[in-house]
Amino acid sequence: MKAVLAHVCLLLDVVSIRILVWAFGRDGELLDSHLFFFDRYSDLADYHRQYGRIAKADRLAAIAEAYYQAAPGDDEPPPAAAMAMALPRPMISINAVSATPAKKPSHPGRSLSLPV
């Protein structure tokens, strides 16, 4: 039962990613979809080889190899560069105290901040 469930999960992975690549990919490509398909088709080939279906396993392995060859190569990382941050602005001290005192409200229950 576990083997059947694993096979169904692999097939579901392939179908769902094919739909995503079709919907959101450009020219049939979406990020590392080729490497994903290579991995899943390799797993499917191993599954069928384990159960004696050699012809089907060879066909799936050929599909996996085609996806591996279509995958973009690993690019070399860009050369490192020394980067620096700009100097921060000097601290500014602000005196936020009013020079004129605020008037007390004429009614004890009212506040100056609320509109009348």
C-alpha atoms as a PDB file:
ATOM      1  CA  MET A   1       0.000   0.000   0.000  1.00  0.00           C
ATOM      2  CA  LYS A   2       2.863   2.388   0.822  1.00  0.00           C
ATOM      3  CA  ALA A   3       4.432   1.756  -2.588  1.00  0.00           C
ATOM      4  CA  VAL A   4       1.196   2.594  -4.366  1.00  0.00           C
ATOM      5  CA  LEU A   5       0.811   5.761  -2.290  1.00  0.00           C
ATOM      6  CA  ALA A   6       4.406   6.775  -3.096  1.00  0.00           C
ATOM      7  CA  HIS A   7       3.754   6.204  -6.802  1.00  0.00           C
ATOM      8  CA  VAL A   8       0.568   8.280  -6.696  1.00  0.00           C
ATOM      9  CA  CYS A   9       2.376  11.085  -4.842  1.00  0.00           C
ATOM     10  CA  LEU A  10       5.136  11.164  -7.461  1.00  0.00           C
ATOM     11  CA  LEU A  11       2.610  11.291 -10.286  1.00  0.00           C
ATOM     12  CA  LEU A  12       0.655  14.016  -8.487  1.00  0.00           C
ATOM     13  CA  ASP A  13       3.873  16.028  -8.061  1.00  0.00           C
ATOM     14  CA  VAL A  14       4.641  15.802 -11.773  1.00  0.00           C
ATOM     15  CA  VAL A  15       1.108  16.750 -12.828  1.00  0.00           C
ATOM     16  CA  SER A  16       0.802  19.658 -10.386  1.00  0.00           C
ATOM     17  CA  ILE A  17       4.153  21.175 -11.359  1.00  0.00           C
ATOM     18  CA  ARG A  18       3.327  20.750 -15.051  1.00  0.00           C
ATOM     19  CA  ILE A  19       0.158  22.781 -14.438  1.00  0.00           C
ATOM     20  CA  LEU A  20       2.112  25.454 -12.534  1.00  0.00           C
ATOM     21  CA  VAL A  21       4.738  25.690 -15.269  1.00  0.00           C
ATOM     22  CA  TRP A  22       2.025  25.897 -17.910  1.00  0.00           C
ATOM     23  CA  ALA A  23       0.169  28.643 -15.980  1.00  0.00           C
ATOM     24  CA  PHE A  24       3.053  30.749 -14.704  1.00  0.00           C
ATOM     25  CA  GLY A  25       6.145  29.760 -16.642  1.00  0.00           C
ATOM     26  CA  ARG A  26       7.687  31.443 -19.643  1.00  0.00           C
ATOM     27  CA  ASP A  27       8.413  29.190 -22.627  1.00  0.00           C
ATOM     28  CA  GLY A  28       7.720  26.137 -20.470  1.00  0.00           C
ATOM     29  CA  GLU A  29      10.233  27.101 -17.805  1.00  0.00           C
ATOM     30  CA  LEU A  30       9.723  28.153 -14.217  1.00  0.00           C
ATOM     31  CA  LEU A  31      12.746  28.627 -11.969  1.00  0.00           C
ATOM     32  CA  ASP A  32      14.278  25.185 -11.461  1.00  0.00           C
ATOM     33  CA  SER A  33      11.386  23.179 -12.869  1.00  0.00           C
ATOM     34  CA  HIS A  34      13.762  21.143 -15.066  1.00  0.00           C
ATOM     35  CA  LEU A  35      15.660  19.915 -12.021  1.00  0.00           C
ATOM     36  CA  PHE A  36      12.387  19.151 -10.230  1.00  0.00           C
ATOM     37  CA  PHE A  37      11.165  17.085 -13.187  1.00  0.00           C
ATOM     38  CA  PHE A  38      14.563  15.335 -13.370  1.00  0.00           C
ATOM     39  CA  ASP A  39      14.250  14.337  -9.706  1.00  0.00           C
ATOM     40  CA  ARG A  40      10.658  13.121  -9.956  1.00  0.00           C
ATOM     41  CA  TYR A  41      11.128  11.197 -13.210  1.00  0.00           C
ATOM     42  CA  SER A  42      14.257   9.580 -11.743  1.00  0.00           C
ATOM     43  CA  ASP A  43      12.232   8.506  -8.717  1.00  0.00           C
ATOM     44  CA  LEU A  44       9.504   7.123 -10.972  1.00  0.00           C
ATOM     45  CA  ALA A  45      12.127   5.228 -12.988  1.00  0.00           C
ATOM     46  CA  ASP A  46      13.535   3.749  -9.777  1.00  0.00           C
ATOM     47  CA  TYR A  47      10.035   2.761  -8.679  1.00  0.00           C
ATOM     48  CA  HIS A  48       9.286   0.933 -11.933  1.00  0.00           C
ATOM     49  CA  ARG A  49      12.734  -0.685 -12.024  1.00  0.00           C
ATOM     50  CA  GLN A  50      12.142  -1.982  -8.489  1.00  0.00           C
ATOM     51  CA  TYR A  51       8.973  -3.753  -9.643  1.00  0.00           C
ATOM     52  CA  GLY A  52      10.548  -5.257 -12.776  1.00  0.00           C
ATOM     53  CA  ARG A  53       9.149  -2.877 -15.393  1.00  0.00           C
ATOM     54  CA  ILE A  54      12.521  -2.282 -17.032  1.00  0.00           C
ATOM     55  CA  ALA A  55      11.224  -0.850 -20.338  1.00  0.00           C
ATOM     56  CA  LYS A  56       9.069   1.731 -18.571  1.00  0.00           C
ATOM     57  CA  ALA A  57      11.913   2.521 -16.157  1.00  0.00           C
ATOM     58  CA  ASP A  58      14.319   3.085 -19.069  1.00  0.00           C
ATOM     59  CA  ARG A  59      11.798   5.376 -20.792  1.00  0.00           C
ATOM     60  CA  LEU A  60      11.317   7.429 -17.597  1.00  0.00           C
ATOM     61  CA  ALA A  61      15.082   7.562 -17.043  1.00  0.00           C
ATOM     62  CA  ALA A  62      15.511   8.944 -20.578  1.00  0.00           C
ATOM     63  CA  ILE A  63      12.902  11.620 -19.854  1.00  0.00           C
ATOM     64  CA  ALA A  64      14.712  12.453 -16.607  1.00  0.00           C
ATOM     65  CA  GLU A  65      18.021  12.743 -18.443  1.00  0.00           C
ATOM     66  CA  ALA A  66      16.440  15.069 -21.025  1.00  0.00           C
ATOM     67  CA  TYR A  67      15.204  17.339 -18.229  1.00  0.00           C
ATOM     68  CA  TYR A  68      18.646  17.271 -16.606  1.00  0.00           C
ATOM     69  CA  GLN A  69      20.290  18.328 -19.867  1.00  0.00           C
ATOM     70  CA  ALA A  70      17.706  21.117 -20.315  1.00  0.00           C
ATOM     71  CA  ALA A  71      18.363  22.514 -16.838  1.00  0.00           C
ATOM     72  CA  PRO A  72      20.436  25.677 -16.742  1.00  0.00           C
ATOM     73  CA  GLY A  73      23.977  25.238 -15.507  1.00  0.00           C
ATOM     74  CA  ASP A  74      25.146  26.624 -12.225  1.00  0.00           C
ATOM     75  CA  ASP A  75      26.511  30.092 -12.810  1.00  0.00           C
ATOM     76  CA  GLU A  76      29.618  31.203 -11.030  1.00  0.00           C
ATOM     77  CA  PRO A  77      28.852  33.587  -8.184  1.00  0.00           C
ATOM     78  CA  PRO A  78      29.611  37.230  -8.919  1.00  0.00           C
ATOM     79  CA  PRO A  79      32.948  38.487  -7.640  1.00  0.00           C
ATOM     80  CA  ALA A  80      32.829  39.876  -4.142  1.00  0.00           C
ATOM     81  CA  ALA A  81      33.011  43.629  -3.735  1.00  0.00           C
ATOM     82  CA  ALA A  82      33.773  45.722  -0.705  1.00  0.00           C
ATOM     83  CA  MET A  83      30.695  47.697   0.201  1.00  0.00           C
ATOM     84  CA  ALA A  84      30.329  50.512   2.694  1.00  0.00           C
ATOM     85  CA  MET A  85      27.389  52.216   4.309  1.00  0.00           C
ATOM     86  CA  ALA A  86      26.958  55.954   4.247  1.00  0.00           C
ATOM     87  CA  LEU A  87      27.815  57.766   7.448  1.00  0.00           C
ATOM     88  CA  PRO A  88      24.776  58.338   9.622  1.00  0.00           C
ATOM     89  CA  ARG A  89      23.532  61.873  10.177  1.00  0.00           C
ATOM     90  CA  PRO A  90      24.692  63.482  13.405  1.00  0.00           C
ATOM     91  CA  MET A  91      22.222  63.373  16.288  1.00  0.00           C
ATOM     92  CA  ILE A  92      20.027  66.463  16.582  1.00  0.00           C
ATOM     93  CA  SER A  93      18.776  67.483  19.999  1.00  0.00           C
ATOM     94  CA  ILE A  94      15.302  69.029  19.891  1.00  0.00           C
ATOM     95  CA  ASN A  95      13.749  70.968  22.759  1.00  0.00           C
ATOM     96  CA  ALA A  96      10.050  70.156  22.432  1.00  0.00           C
ATOM     97  CA  VAL A  97       8.919  72.181  25.466  1.00  0.00           C
ATOM     98  CA  SER A  98       6.468  75.007  24.808  1.00  0.00           C
ATOM     99  CA  ALA A  99       7.605  78.537  25.687  1.00  0.00           C
ATOM    100  CA  THR A 100       4.052  79.578  26.563  1.00  0.00           C
ATOM    101  CA  PRO A 101       2.083  77.582  29.129  1.00  0.00           C
ATOM    102  CA  ALA A 102      -1.133  75.880  28.034  1.00  0.00           C
ATOM    103  CA  LYS A 103      -4.381  77.308  29.380  1.00  0.00           C
ATOM    104  CA  LYS A 104      -6.412  75.236  31.782  1.00  0.00           C
ATOM    105  CA  PRO A 105      -9.844  74.153  30.518  1.00  0.00           C
ATOM    106  CA  SER A 106     -12.789  76.283  31.684  1.00  0.00           C
ATOM    107  CA  HIS A 107     -14.848  73.169  32.410  1.00  0.00           C
ATOM    108  CA  PRO A 108     -13.180  70.527  34.595  1.00  0.00           C
ATOM    109  CA  GLY A 109     -14.580  67.563  32.572  1.00  0.00           C
ATOM    110  CA  ARG A 110     -13.411  68.806  29.167  1.00  0.00           C
ATOM    111  CA  SER A 111     -10.053  68.320  27.579  1.00  0.00           C
ATOM    112  CA  LEU A 112      -8.271  70.768  25.270  1.00  0.00           C
ATOM    113  CA  SER A 113      -7.483  68.065  22.735  1.00  0.00           C
ATOM    114  CA  LEU A 114     -11.112  67.094  22.017  1.00  0.00           C
ATOM    115  CA  PRO A 115     -13.136  69.244  19.613  1.00  0.00           C
ATOM    116  CA  VAL A 116     -16.131  71.039  21.077  1.00  0.00           C
END
